């Protein structure tokens, strides 16, 4: 069976239903669609402040709302990236300052 090119796949993908996962279809056909990797500053622009209140439980019948800094997952390369995470706002600045100090100390 002849291998389909990305250009041929793009033409074929136009015939797929709107809700089809084109990346999965391409993978099933033995193709890998290149991922657009946005600059880190654009990706980090999605960082935000999030308020979260846990569910009430027997141990904690009156949960308190907590505020976090939300760092998004980052795409670093075709096959590499980071997971998103939340940092409690009480420690977020200290964590960021420590990270900067480590980067400065190690010429990163």
PDB file of N, CA and C in Angstrom:
ATOM      1  N   UNK A   1       0.842  -1.169   0.000  1.00  0.00           N
ATOM      2  CA  UNK A   1       0.000   0.000   0.000  1.00  0.00           C
ATOM      3  C   UNK A   1       0.892   1.239   0.000  1.00  0.00           C
ATOM      4  N   UNK A   2       0.565   2.201  -0.830  1.00  0.00           N
ATOM      5  CA  UNK A   2       1.366   3.425  -0.939  1.00  0.00           C
ATOM      6  C   UNK A   2       1.123   4.326   0.264  1.00  0.00           C
ATOM      7  N   UNK A   3       2.175   4.993   0.686  1.00  0.00           N
ATOM      8  CA  UNK A   3       2.093   5.901   1.829  1.00  0.00           C
ATOM      9  C   UNK A   3       1.447   7.216   1.378  1.00  0.00           C
ATOM     10  N   UNK A   4       0.523   7.715   2.163  1.00  0.00           N
ATOM     11  CA  UNK A   4      -0.149   8.978   1.874  1.00  0.00           C
ATOM     12  C   UNK A   4       0.743  10.122   2.351  1.00  0.00           C
ATOM     13  N   UNK A   5       0.823  11.195   1.563  1.00  0.00           N
ATOM     14  CA  UNK A   5       1.598  12.365   1.977  1.00  0.00           C
ATOM     15  C   UNK A   5       0.727  13.251   2.860  1.00  0.00           C
ATOM     16  N   UNK A   6       1.357  14.185   3.566  1.00  0.00           N
ATOM     17  CA  UNK A   6       0.588  15.114   4.401  1.00  0.00           C
ATOM     18  C   UNK A   6      -0.357  15.959   3.558  1.00  0.00           C
ATOM     19  N   UNK A   7       0.100  16.339   2.348  1.00  0.00           N
ATOM     20  CA  UNK A   7      -0.757  17.138   1.464  1.00  0.00           C
ATOM     21  C   UNK A   7      -1.998  16.337   1.061  1.00  0.00           C
ATOM     22  N   UNK A   8      -1.791  15.059   0.736  1.00  0.00           N
ATOM     23  CA  UNK A   8      -2.922  14.202   0.379  1.00  0.00           C
ATOM     24  C   UNK A   8      -3.853  14.019   1.579  1.00  0.00           C
ATOM     25  N   UNK A   9      -3.266  13.874   2.767  1.00  0.00           N
ATOM     26  CA  UNK A   9      -4.089  13.714   3.955  1.00  0.00           C
ATOM     27  C   UNK A   9      -4.918  14.965   4.209  1.00  0.00           C
ATOM     28  N   UNK A  10      -4.329  16.135   4.019  1.00  0.00           N
ATOM     29  CA  UNK A  10      -5.074  17.385   4.231  1.00  0.00           C
ATOM     30  C   UNK A  10      -6.290  17.442   3.314  1.00  0.00           C
ATOM     31  N   UNK A  11      -6.137  17.004   2.067  1.00  0.00           N
ATOM     32  CA  UNK A  11      -7.276  16.959   1.142  1.00  0.00           C
ATOM     33  C   UNK A  11      -8.316  15.956   1.633  1.00  0.00           C
ATOM     34  N   UNK A  12      -7.842  14.776   2.060  1.00  0.00           N
ATOM     35  CA  UNK A  12      -8.738  13.751   2.579  1.00  0.00           C
ATOM     36  C   UNK A  12      -9.452  14.230   3.840  1.00  0.00           C
ATOM     37  N   UNK A  13      -8.736  14.957   4.709  1.00  0.00           N
ATOM     38  CA  UNK A  13      -9.304  15.414   5.981  1.00  0.00           C
ATOM     39  C   UNK A  13     -10.466  16.372   5.774  1.00  0.00           C
ATOM     40  N   UNK A  14     -10.502  17.058   4.646  1.00  0.00           N
ATOM     41  CA  UNK A  14     -11.616  17.978   4.361  1.00  0.00           C
ATOM     42  C   UNK A  14     -12.932  17.226   4.215  1.00  0.00           C
ATOM     43  N   UNK A  15     -12.858  15.923   3.912  1.00  0.00           N
ATOM     44  CA  UNK A  15     -14.074  15.124   3.740  1.00  0.00           C
ATOM     45  C   UNK A  15     -14.555  14.497   5.047  1.00  0.00           C
ATOM     46  N   UNK A  16     -13.739  14.595   6.095  1.00  0.00           N
ATOM     47  CA  UNK A  16     -14.107  14.002   7.384  1.00  0.00           C
ATOM     48  C   UNK A  16     -15.160  14.851   8.087  1.00  0.00           C
ATOM     49  N   UNK A  17     -15.967  14.231   8.941  1.00  0.00           N
ATOM     50  CA  UNK A  17     -16.940  15.014   9.721  1.00  0.00           C
ATOM     51  C   UNK A  17     -16.221  16.043  10.611  1.00  0.00           C
ATOM     52  N   UNK A  18     -16.928  17.105  10.964  1.00  0.00           N
ATOM     53  CA  UNK A  18     -16.353  18.195  11.769  1.00  0.00           C
ATOM     54  C   UNK A  18     -15.817  17.699  13.111  1.00  0.00           C
ATOM     55  N   UNK A  19     -16.496  16.726  13.724  1.00  0.00           N
ATOM     56  CA  UNK A  19     -16.103  16.278  15.053  1.00  0.00           C
ATOM     57  C   UNK A  19     -15.038  15.182  15.032  1.00  0.00           C
ATOM     58  N   UNK A  20     -14.542  14.820  13.853  1.00  0.00           N
ATOM     59  CA  UNK A  20     -13.517  13.772  13.758  1.00  0.00           C
ATOM     60  C   UNK A  20     -12.185  14.291  14.300  1.00  0.00           C
ATOM     61  N   UNK A  21     -11.469  13.424  15.000  1.00  0.00           N
ATOM     62  CA  UNK A  21     -10.148  13.775  15.515  1.00  0.00           C
ATOM     63  C   UNK A  21      -9.132  13.499  14.404  1.00  0.00           C
ATOM     64  N   UNK A  22      -8.773  14.556  13.681  1.00  0.00           N
ATOM     65  CA  UNK A  22      -7.893  14.408  12.517  1.00  0.00           C
ATOM     66  C   UNK A  22      -6.524  13.863  12.887  1.00  0.00           C
ATOM     67  N   UNK A  23      -6.057  14.206  14.078  1.00  0.00           N
ATOM     68  CA  UNK A  23      -4.748  13.711  14.517  1.00  0.00           C
ATOM     69  C   UNK A  23      -4.782  12.187  14.691  1.00  0.00           C
ATOM     70  N   UNK A  24      -5.874  11.656  15.248  1.00  0.00           N
ATOM     71  CA  UNK A  24      -5.997  10.205  15.428  1.00  0.00           C
ATOM     72  C   UNK A  24      -6.146   9.496  14.082  1.00  0.00           C
ATOM     73  N   UNK A  25      -6.911  10.096  13.171  1.00  0.00           N
ATOM     74  CA  UNK A  25      -7.072   9.501  11.839  1.00  0.00           C
ATOM     75  C   UNK A  25      -5.722   9.453  11.138  1.00  0.00           C
ATOM     76  N   UNK A  26      -4.965  10.545  11.221  1.00  0.00           N
ATOM     77  CA  UNK A  26      -3.642  10.588  10.588  1.00  0.00           C
ATOM     78  C   UNK A  26      -2.738   9.515  11.184  1.00  0.00           C
ATOM     79  N   UNK A  27      -2.752   9.374  12.501  1.00  0.00           N
ATOM     80  CA  UNK A  27      -1.919   8.373  13.163  1.00  0.00           C
ATOM     81  C   UNK A  27      -2.302   6.961  12.710  1.00  0.00           C
ATOM     82  N   UNK A  28      -3.607   6.714  12.533  1.00  0.00           N
ATOM     83  CA  UNK A  28      -4.070   5.405  12.069  1.00  0.00           C
ATOM     84  C   UNK A  28      -3.582   5.110  10.651  1.00  0.00           C
ATOM     85  N   UNK A  29      -3.361   6.167   9.876  1.00  0.00           N
ATOM     86  CA  UNK A  29      -2.857   6.006   8.511  1.00  0.00           C
ATOM     87  C   UNK A  29      -1.334   6.029   8.446  1.00  0.00           C
ATOM     88  N   UNK A  30      -0.693   6.097   9.605  1.00  0.00           N
ATOM     89  CA  UNK A  30       0.766   6.078   9.635  1.00  0.00           C
ATOM     90  C   UNK A  30       1.403   7.441   9.435  1.00  0.00           C
ATOM     91  N   UNK A  31       0.632   8.498   9.623  1.00  0.00           N
ATOM     92  CA  UNK A  31       1.157   9.861   9.452  1.00  0.00           C
ATOM     93  C   UNK A  31       1.218  10.571  10.795  1.00  0.00           C
ATOM     94  N   UNK A  32       2.096  11.516  10.911  1.00  0.00           N
ATOM     95  CA  UNK A  32       2.180  12.354  12.108  1.00  0.00           C
ATOM     96  C   UNK A  32       2.012  13.800  11.655  1.00  0.00           C
ATOM     97  N   UNK A  33       0.934  14.426  12.102  1.00  0.00           N
ATOM     98  CA  UNK A  33       0.698  15.825  11.755  1.00  0.00           C
ATOM     99  C   UNK A  33       1.597  16.681  12.629  1.00  0.00           C
ATOM    100  N   UNK A  34       2.395  17.558  12.016  1.00  0.00           N
ATOM    101  CA  UNK A  34       3.272  18.411  12.829  1.00  0.00           C
ATOM    102  C   UNK A  34       2.449  19.315  13.754  1.00  0.00           C
ATOM    103  N   UNK A  35       2.950  19.496  14.961  1.00  0.00           N
ATOM    104  CA  UNK A  35       2.276  20.327  15.943  1.00  0.00           C
ATOM    105  C   UNK A  35       2.891  21.717  15.902  1.00  0.00           C
ATOM    106  N   UNK A  36       2.033  22.722  15.865  1.00  0.00           N
ATOM    107  CA  UNK A  36       2.535  24.094  15.910  1.00  0.00           C
ATOM    108  C   UNK A  36       2.951  24.394  17.345  1.00  0.00           C
ATOM    109  N   UNK A  37       4.172  24.837  17.505  1.00  0.00           N
ATOM    110  CA  UNK A  37       4.684  25.142  18.838  1.00  0.00           C
ATOM    111  C   UNK A  37       4.785  26.652  18.969  1.00  0.00           C
ATOM    112  N   UNK A  38       3.887  27.209  19.756  1.00  0.00           N
ATOM    113  CA  UNK A  38       3.862  28.653  19.956  1.00  0.00           C
ATOM    114  C   UNK A  38       5.024  29.071  20.854  1.00  0.00           C
ATOM    115  N   UNK A  39       5.483  30.320  20.734  1.00  0.00           N
ATOM    116  CA  UNK A  39       6.542  30.802  21.626  1.00  0.00           C
ATOM    117  C   UNK A  39       6.105  30.686  23.087  1.00  0.00           C
ATOM    118  N   UNK A  40       7.080  30.433  23.967  1.00  0.00           N
ATOM    119  CA  UNK A  40       6.773  30.240  25.397  1.00  0.00           C
ATOM    120  C   UNK A  40       6.043  31.432  25.999  1.00  0.00           C
ATOM    121  N   UNK A  41       6.412  32.650  25.614  1.00  0.00           N
ATOM    122  CA  UNK A  41       5.729  33.802  26.214  1.00  0.00           C
ATOM    123  C   UNK A  41       4.247  33.816  25.853  1.00  0.00           C
ATOM    124  N   UNK A  42       3.894  33.352  24.650  1.00  0.00           N
ATOM    125  CA  UNK A  42       2.476  33.258  24.279  1.00  0.00           C
ATOM    126  C   UNK A  42       1.774  32.183  25.103  1.00  0.00           C
ATOM    127  N   UNK A  43       2.445  31.037  25.278  1.00  0.00           N
ATOM    128  CA  UNK A  43       1.840  29.958  26.058  1.00  0.00           C
ATOM    129  C   UNK A  43       1.680  30.373  27.522  1.00  0.00           C
ATOM    130  N   UNK A  44       2.691  31.053  28.053  1.00  0.00           N
ATOM    131  CA  UNK A  44       2.632  31.472  29.459  1.00  0.00           C
ATOM    132  C   UNK A  44       1.644  32.613  29.685  1.00  0.00           C
ATOM    133  N   UNK A  45       1.221  33.269  28.619  1.00  0.00           N
ATOM    134  CA  UNK A  45       0.204  34.313  28.757  1.00  0.00           C
ATOM    135  C   UNK A  45      -1.110  33.722  29.269  1.00  0.00           C
ATOM    136  N   UNK A  46      -1.258  32.408  29.166  1.00  0.00           N
ATOM    137  CA  UNK A  46      -2.464  31.735  29.647  1.00  0.00           C
ATOM    138  C   UNK A  46      -2.433  31.481  31.153  1.00  0.00           C
ATOM    139  N   UNK A  47      -1.327  31.812  31.812  1.00  0.00           N
ATOM    140  CA  UNK A  47      -1.270  31.678  33.273  1.00  0.00           C
ATOM    141  C   UNK A  47      -2.347  32.570  33.876  1.00  0.00           C
ATOM    142  N   UNK A  48      -2.937  32.117  34.963  1.00  0.00           N
ATOM    143  CA  UNK A  48      -4.039  32.883  35.549  1.00  0.00           C
ATOM    144  C   UNK A  48      -4.147  32.594  37.042  1.00  0.00           C
ATOM    145  N   UNK A  49      -5.053  33.309  37.667  1.00  0.00           N
ATOM    146  CA  UNK A  49      -5.369  33.089  39.079  1.00  0.00           C
ATOM    147  C   UNK A  49      -6.679  32.309  39.120  1.00  0.00           C
ATOM    148  N   UNK A  50      -6.695  31.238  39.915  1.00  0.00           N
ATOM    149  CA  UNK A  50      -7.853  30.352  40.000  1.00  0.00           C
ATOM    150  C   UNK A  50      -8.294  30.256  41.454  1.00  0.00           C
ATOM    151  N   UNK A  51      -9.594  30.327  41.666  1.00  0.00           N
ATOM    152  CA  UNK A  51     -10.156  30.120  43.003  1.00  0.00           C
ATOM    153  C   UNK A  51     -10.810  28.744  43.017  1.00  0.00           C
ATOM    154  N   UNK A  52     -10.538  27.984  44.075  1.00  0.00           N
ATOM    155  CA  UNK A  52     -11.057  26.616  44.162  1.00  0.00           C
ATOM    156  C   UNK A  52     -11.584  26.355  45.566  1.00  0.00           C
ATOM    157  N   UNK A  53     -12.767  25.760  45.619  1.00  0.00           N
ATOM    158  CA  UNK A  53     -13.351  25.335  46.888  1.00  0.00           C
ATOM    159  C   UNK A  53     -13.559  23.829  46.819  1.00  0.00           C
ATOM    160  N   UNK A  54     -12.902  23.052  47.692  1.00  0.00           N
ATOM    161  CA  UNK A  54     -13.085  21.603  47.665  1.00  0.00           C
ATOM    162  C   UNK A  54     -14.501  21.215  48.080  1.00  0.00           C
ATOM    163  N   UNK A  55     -14.868  19.971  47.766  1.00  0.00           N
ATOM    164  CA  UNK A  55     -16.174  19.460  48.175  1.00  0.00           C
ATOM    165  C   UNK A  55     -16.222  19.336  49.691  1.00  0.00           C
ATOM    166  N   UNK A  56     -17.408  19.508  50.224  1.00  0.00           N
ATOM    167  CA  UNK A  56     -17.597  19.294  51.661  1.00  0.00           C
ATOM    168  C   UNK A  56     -17.530  17.793  51.937  1.00  0.00           C
ATOM    169  N   UNK A  57     -16.843  17.440  53.018  1.00  0.00           N
ATOM    170  CA  UNK A  57     -16.723  16.037  53.424  1.00  0.00           C
ATOM    171  C   UNK A  57     -17.025  15.934  54.913  1.00  0.00           C
ATOM    172  N   UNK A  58     -17.038  14.723  55.431  1.00  0.00           N
ATOM    173  CA  UNK A  58     -17.260  14.545  56.865  1.00  0.00           C
ATOM    174  C   UNK A  58     -16.135  15.197  57.658  1.00  0.00           C
ATOM    175  N   UNK A  59     -14.914  15.046  57.173  1.00  0.00           N
ATOM    176  CA  UNK A  59     -13.758  15.632  57.864  1.00  0.00           C
ATOM    177  C   UNK A  59     -13.722  17.149  57.737  1.00  0.00           C
ATOM    178  N   UNK A  60     -14.197  17.641  56.592  1.00  0.00           N
ATOM    179  CA  UNK A  60     -14.140  19.077  56.323  1.00  0.00           C
ATOM    180  C   UNK A  60     -15.520  19.542  55.837  1.00  0.00           C
ATOM    181  N   UNK A  61     -16.456  19.705  56.768  1.00  0.00           N
ATOM    182  CA  UNK A  61     -17.827  20.048  56.368  1.00  0.00           C
ATOM    183  C   UNK A  61     -17.973  21.478  55.840  1.00  0.00           C
ATOM    184  N   UNK A  62     -17.028  22.354  56.180  1.00  0.00           N
ATOM    185  CA  UNK A  62     -17.080  23.749  55.713  1.00  0.00           C
ATOM    186  C   UNK A  62     -15.770  24.116  55.011  1.00  0.00           C
ATOM    187  N   UNK A  63     -15.574  23.629  53.781  1.00  0.00           N
ATOM    188  CA  UNK A  63     -14.310  23.907  53.097  1.00  0.00           C
ATOM    189  C   UNK A  63     -14.176  25.387  52.763  1.00  0.00           C
ATOM    190  N   UNK A  64     -12.940  25.857  52.788  1.00  0.00           N
ATOM    191  CA  UNK A  64     -12.658  27.258  52.495  1.00  0.00           C
ATOM    192  C   UNK A  64     -12.131  27.388  51.073  1.00  0.00           C
ATOM    193  N   UNK A  65     -12.524  28.460  50.441  1.00  0.00           N
ATOM    194  CA  UNK A  65     -12.016  28.740  49.098  1.00  0.00           C
ATOM    195  C   UNK A  65     -10.524  29.070  49.190  1.00  0.00           C
ATOM    196  N   UNK A  66      -9.743  28.536  48.244  1.00  0.00           N
ATOM    197  CA  UNK A  66      -8.305  28.783  48.197  1.00  0.00           C
ATOM    198  C   UNK A  66      -7.966  29.349  46.824  1.00  0.00           C
ATOM    199  N   UNK A  67      -7.013  30.260  46.778  1.00  0.00           N
ATOM    200  CA  UNK A  67      -6.606  30.877  45.518  1.00  0.00           C
ATOM    201  C   UNK A  67      -5.252  30.325  45.091  1.00  0.00           C
ATOM    202  N   UNK A  68      -5.143  30.025  43.799  1.00  0.00           N
ATOM    203  CA  UNK A  68      -3.930  29.451  43.230  1.00  0.00           C
ATOM    204  C   UNK A  68      -3.495  30.239  42.002  1.00  0.00           C
ATOM    205  N   UNK A  69      -2.215  30.138  41.666  1.00  0.00           N
ATOM    206  CA  UNK A  69      -1.713  30.598  40.380  1.00  0.00           C
ATOM    207  C   UNK A  69      -1.681  29.355  39.502  1.00  0.00           C
ATOM    208  N   UNK A  70      -2.356  29.421  38.359  1.00  0.00           N
ATOM    209  CA  UNK A  70      -2.437  28.290  37.446  1.00  0.00           C
ATOM    210  C   UNK A  70      -1.423  28.483  36.317  1.00  0.00           C
ATOM    211  N   UNK A  71      -0.488  27.541  36.189  1.00  0.00           N
ATOM    212  CA  UNK A  71       0.497  27.561  35.119  1.00  0.00           C
ATOM    213  C   UNK A  71       0.044  26.523  34.087  1.00  0.00           C
ATOM    214  N   UNK A  72      -0.130  26.924  32.824  1.00  0.00           N
ATOM    215  CA  UNK A  72      -0.643  25.980  31.830  1.00  0.00           C
ATOM    216  C   UNK A  72       0.410  24.947  31.428  1.00  0.00           C
ATOM    217  N   UNK A  73      -0.048  23.858  30.823  1.00  0.00           N
ATOM    218  CA  UNK A  73       0.908  22.913  30.242  1.00  0.00           C
ATOM    219  C   UNK A  73       1.569  23.619  29.057  1.00  0.00           C
ATOM    220  N   UNK A  74       2.833  23.315  28.838  1.00  0.00           N
ATOM    221  CA  UNK A  74       3.604  23.978  27.791  1.00  0.00           C
ATOM    222  C   UNK A  74       4.070  22.961  26.769  1.00  0.00           C
ATOM    223  N   UNK A  75       3.975  23.307  25.497  1.00  0.00           N
ATOM    224  CA  UNK A  75       4.485  22.464  24.416  1.00  0.00           C
ATOM    225  C   UNK A  75       5.871  22.988  24.081  1.00  0.00           C
ATOM    226  N   UNK A  76       6.899  22.158  24.326  1.00  0.00           N
ATOM    227  CA  UNK A  76       8.292  22.575  24.114  1.00  0.00           C
ATOM    228  C   UNK A  76       8.856  22.080  22.795  1.00  0.00           C
ATOM    229  N   UNK A  77       8.354  20.986  22.280  1.00  0.00           N
ATOM    230  CA  UNK A  77       8.824  20.401  21.028  1.00  0.00           C
ATOM    231  C   UNK A  77       7.784  19.437  20.510  1.00  0.00           C
ATOM    232  N   UNK A  78       8.076  18.815  19.383  1.00  0.00           N
ATOM    233  CA  UNK A  78       7.132  17.874  18.773  1.00  0.00           C
ATOM    234  C   UNK A  78       6.727  16.780  19.758  1.00  0.00           C
ATOM    235  N   UNK A  79       7.682  16.287  20.538  1.00  0.00           N
ATOM    236  CA  UNK A  79       7.392  15.194  21.465  1.00  0.00           C
ATOM    237  C   UNK A  79       7.705  15.536  22.910  1.00  0.00           C
ATOM    238  N   UNK A  80       7.783  16.806  23.246  1.00  0.00           N
ATOM    239  CA  UNK A  80       8.099  17.154  24.632  1.00  0.00           C
ATOM    240  C   UNK A  80       7.258  18.331  25.090  1.00  0.00           C
ATOM    241  N   UNK A  81       7.028  18.343  26.388  1.00  0.00           N
ATOM    242  CA  UNK A  81       6.241  19.410  26.973  1.00  0.00           C
ATOM    243  C   UNK A  81       6.228  19.268  28.477  1.00  0.00           C
ATOM    244  N   UNK A  82       5.438  20.101  29.116  1.00  0.00           N
ATOM    245  CA  UNK A  82       5.309  20.058  30.568  1.00  0.00           C
ATOM    246  C   UNK A  82       3.835  19.941  30.925  1.00  0.00           C
ATOM    247  N   UNK A  83       3.578  19.498  32.112  1.00  0.00           N
ATOM    248  CA  UNK A  83       2.206  19.449  32.621  1.00  0.00           C
ATOM    249  C   UNK A  83       1.868  20.780  33.271  1.00  0.00           C
ATOM    250  N   UNK A  84       0.610  21.133  33.215  1.00  0.00           N
ATOM    251  CA  UNK A  84       0.152  22.316  33.925  1.00  0.00           C
ATOM    252  C   UNK A  84       0.075  22.025  35.412  1.00  0.00           C
ATOM    253  N   UNK A  85       0.111  23.064  36.213  1.00  0.00           N
ATOM    254  CA  UNK A  85       0.017  22.874  37.662  1.00  0.00           C
ATOM    255  C   UNK A  85      -0.503  24.139  38.324  1.00  0.00           C
ATOM    256  N   UNK A  86      -0.959  23.974  39.559  1.00  0.00           N
ATOM    257  CA  UNK A  86      -1.411  25.084  40.381  1.00  0.00           C
ATOM    258  C   UNK A  86      -0.442  25.255  41.534  1.00  0.00           C
ATOM    259  N   UNK A  87      -0.184  26.511  41.885  1.00  0.00           N
ATOM    260  CA  UNK A  87       0.654  26.826  43.046  1.00  0.00           C
ATOM    261  C   UNK A  87      -0.171  27.720  43.961  1.00  0.00           C
ATOM    262  N   UNK A  88      -0.219  27.369  45.223  1.00  0.00           N
ATOM    263  CA  UNK A  88      -0.946  28.176  46.192  1.00  0.00           C
ATOM    264  C   UNK A  88      -0.390  29.601  46.184  1.00  0.00           C
ATOM    265  N   UNK A  89      -1.272  30.597  46.182  1.00  0.00           N
ATOM    266  CA  UNK A  89      -0.814  31.982  46.092  1.00  0.00           C
ATOM    267  C   UNK A  89       0.029  32.410  47.290  1.00  0.00           C
ATOM    268  N   UNK A  90      -0.127  31.729  48.424  1.00  0.00           N
ATOM    269  CA  UNK A  90       0.694  32.089  49.586  1.00  0.00           C
ATOM    270  C   UNK A  90       2.166  31.790  49.347  1.00  0.00           C
ATOM    271  N   UNK A  91       2.472  30.849  48.445  1.00  0.00           N
ATOM    272  CA  UNK A  91       3.867  30.474  48.208  1.00  0.00           C
ATOM    273  C   UNK A  91       4.329  30.749  46.775  1.00  0.00           C
ATOM    274  N   UNK A  92       3.430  31.177  45.895  1.00  0.00           N
ATOM    275  CA  UNK A  92       3.756  31.335  44.472  1.00  0.00           C
ATOM    276  C   UNK A  92       4.949  32.272  44.251  1.00  0.00           C
ATOM    277  N   UNK A  93       4.955  33.422  44.882  1.00  0.00           N
ATOM    278  CA  UNK A  93       6.055  34.370  44.688  1.00  0.00           C
ATOM    279  C   UNK A  93       7.372  33.796  45.195  1.00  0.00           C
ATOM    280  N   UNK A  94       7.342  33.119  46.337  1.00  0.00           N
ATOM    281  CA  UNK A  94       8.568  32.522  46.869  1.00  0.00           C
ATOM    282  C   UNK A  94       9.093  31.430  45.939  1.00  0.00           C
ATOM    283  N   UNK A  95       8.193  30.632  45.378  1.00  0.00           N
ATOM    284  CA  UNK A  95       8.596  29.589  44.434  1.00  0.00           C
ATOM    285  C   UNK A  95       9.223  30.239  43.194  1.00  0.00           C
ATOM    286  N   UNK A  96       8.578  31.268  42.660  1.00  0.00           N
ATOM    287  CA  UNK A  96       9.093  31.942  41.467  1.00  0.00           C
ATOM    288  C   UNK A  96      10.460  32.570  41.734  1.00  0.00           C
ATOM    289  N   UNK A  97      10.624  33.206  42.880  1.00  0.00           N
ATOM    290  CA  UNK A  97      11.915  33.815  43.216  1.00  0.00           C
ATOM    291  C   UNK A  97      13.003  32.755  43.370  1.00  0.00           C
ATOM    292  N   UNK A  98      12.674  31.614  43.961  1.00  0.00           N
ATOM    293  CA  UNK A  98      13.656  30.540  44.122  1.00  0.00           C
ATOM    294  C   UNK A  98      14.049  29.968  42.759  1.00  0.00           C
ATOM    295  N   UNK A  99      13.072  29.821  41.877  1.00  0.00           N
ATOM    296  CA  UNK A  99      13.357  29.324  40.532  1.00  0.00           C
ATOM    297  C   UNK A  99      14.277  30.291  39.787  1.00  0.00           C
ATOM    298  N   UNK A 100      14.014  31.574  39.908  1.00  0.00           N
ATOM    299  CA  UNK A 100      14.886  32.568  39.272  1.00  0.00           C
ATOM    300  C   UNK A 100      16.301  32.509  39.833  1.00  0.00           C
ATOM    301  N   UNK A 101      16.413  32.352  41.138  1.00  0.00           N
ATOM    302  CA  UNK A 101      17.736  32.259  41.759  1.00  0.00           C
ATOM    303  C   UNK A 101      18.487  31.027  41.255  1.00  0.00           C
ATOM    304  N   UNK A 102      17.792  29.896  41.143  1.00  0.00           N
ATOM    305  CA  UNK A 102      18.419  28.683  40.618  1.00  0.00           C
ATOM    306  C   UNK A 102      18.877  28.877  39.176  1.00  0.00           C
ATOM    307  N   UNK A 103      18.040  29.521  38.368  1.00  0.00           N
ATOM    308  CA  UNK A 103      18.405  29.784  36.983  1.00  0.00           C
ATOM    309  C   UNK A 103      19.627  30.701  36.919  1.00  0.00           C
ATOM    310  N   UNK A 104      19.646  31.742  37.751  1.00  0.00           N
ATOM    311  CA  UNK A 104      20.779  32.661  37.767  1.00  0.00           C
ATOM    312  C   UNK A 104      22.056  31.942  38.204  1.00  0.00           C
ATOM    313  N   UNK A 105      21.958  31.125  39.244  1.00  0.00           N
ATOM    314  CA  UNK A 105      23.123  30.415  39.768  1.00  0.00           C
ATOM    315  C   UNK A 105      23.693  29.400  38.779  1.00  0.00           C
ATOM    316  N   UNK A 106      22.846  28.881  37.909  1.00  0.00           N
ATOM    317  CA  UNK A 106      23.277  27.840  36.962  1.00  0.00           C
ATOM    318  C   UNK A 106      23.344  28.341  35.520  1.00  0.00           C
ATOM    319  N   UNK A 107      23.347  29.649  35.327  1.00  0.00           N
ATOM    320  CA  UNK A 107      23.450  30.262  33.996  1.00  0.00           C
ATOM    321  C   UNK A 107      22.409  29.709  33.012  1.00  0.00           C
ATOM    322  N   UNK A 108      21.198  29.582  33.481  1.00  0.00           N
ATOM    323  CA  UNK A 108      20.117  29.090  32.626  1.00  0.00           C
ATOM    324  C   UNK A 108      19.304  30.245  32.065  1.00  0.00           C
TER     325      UNK A 108
END
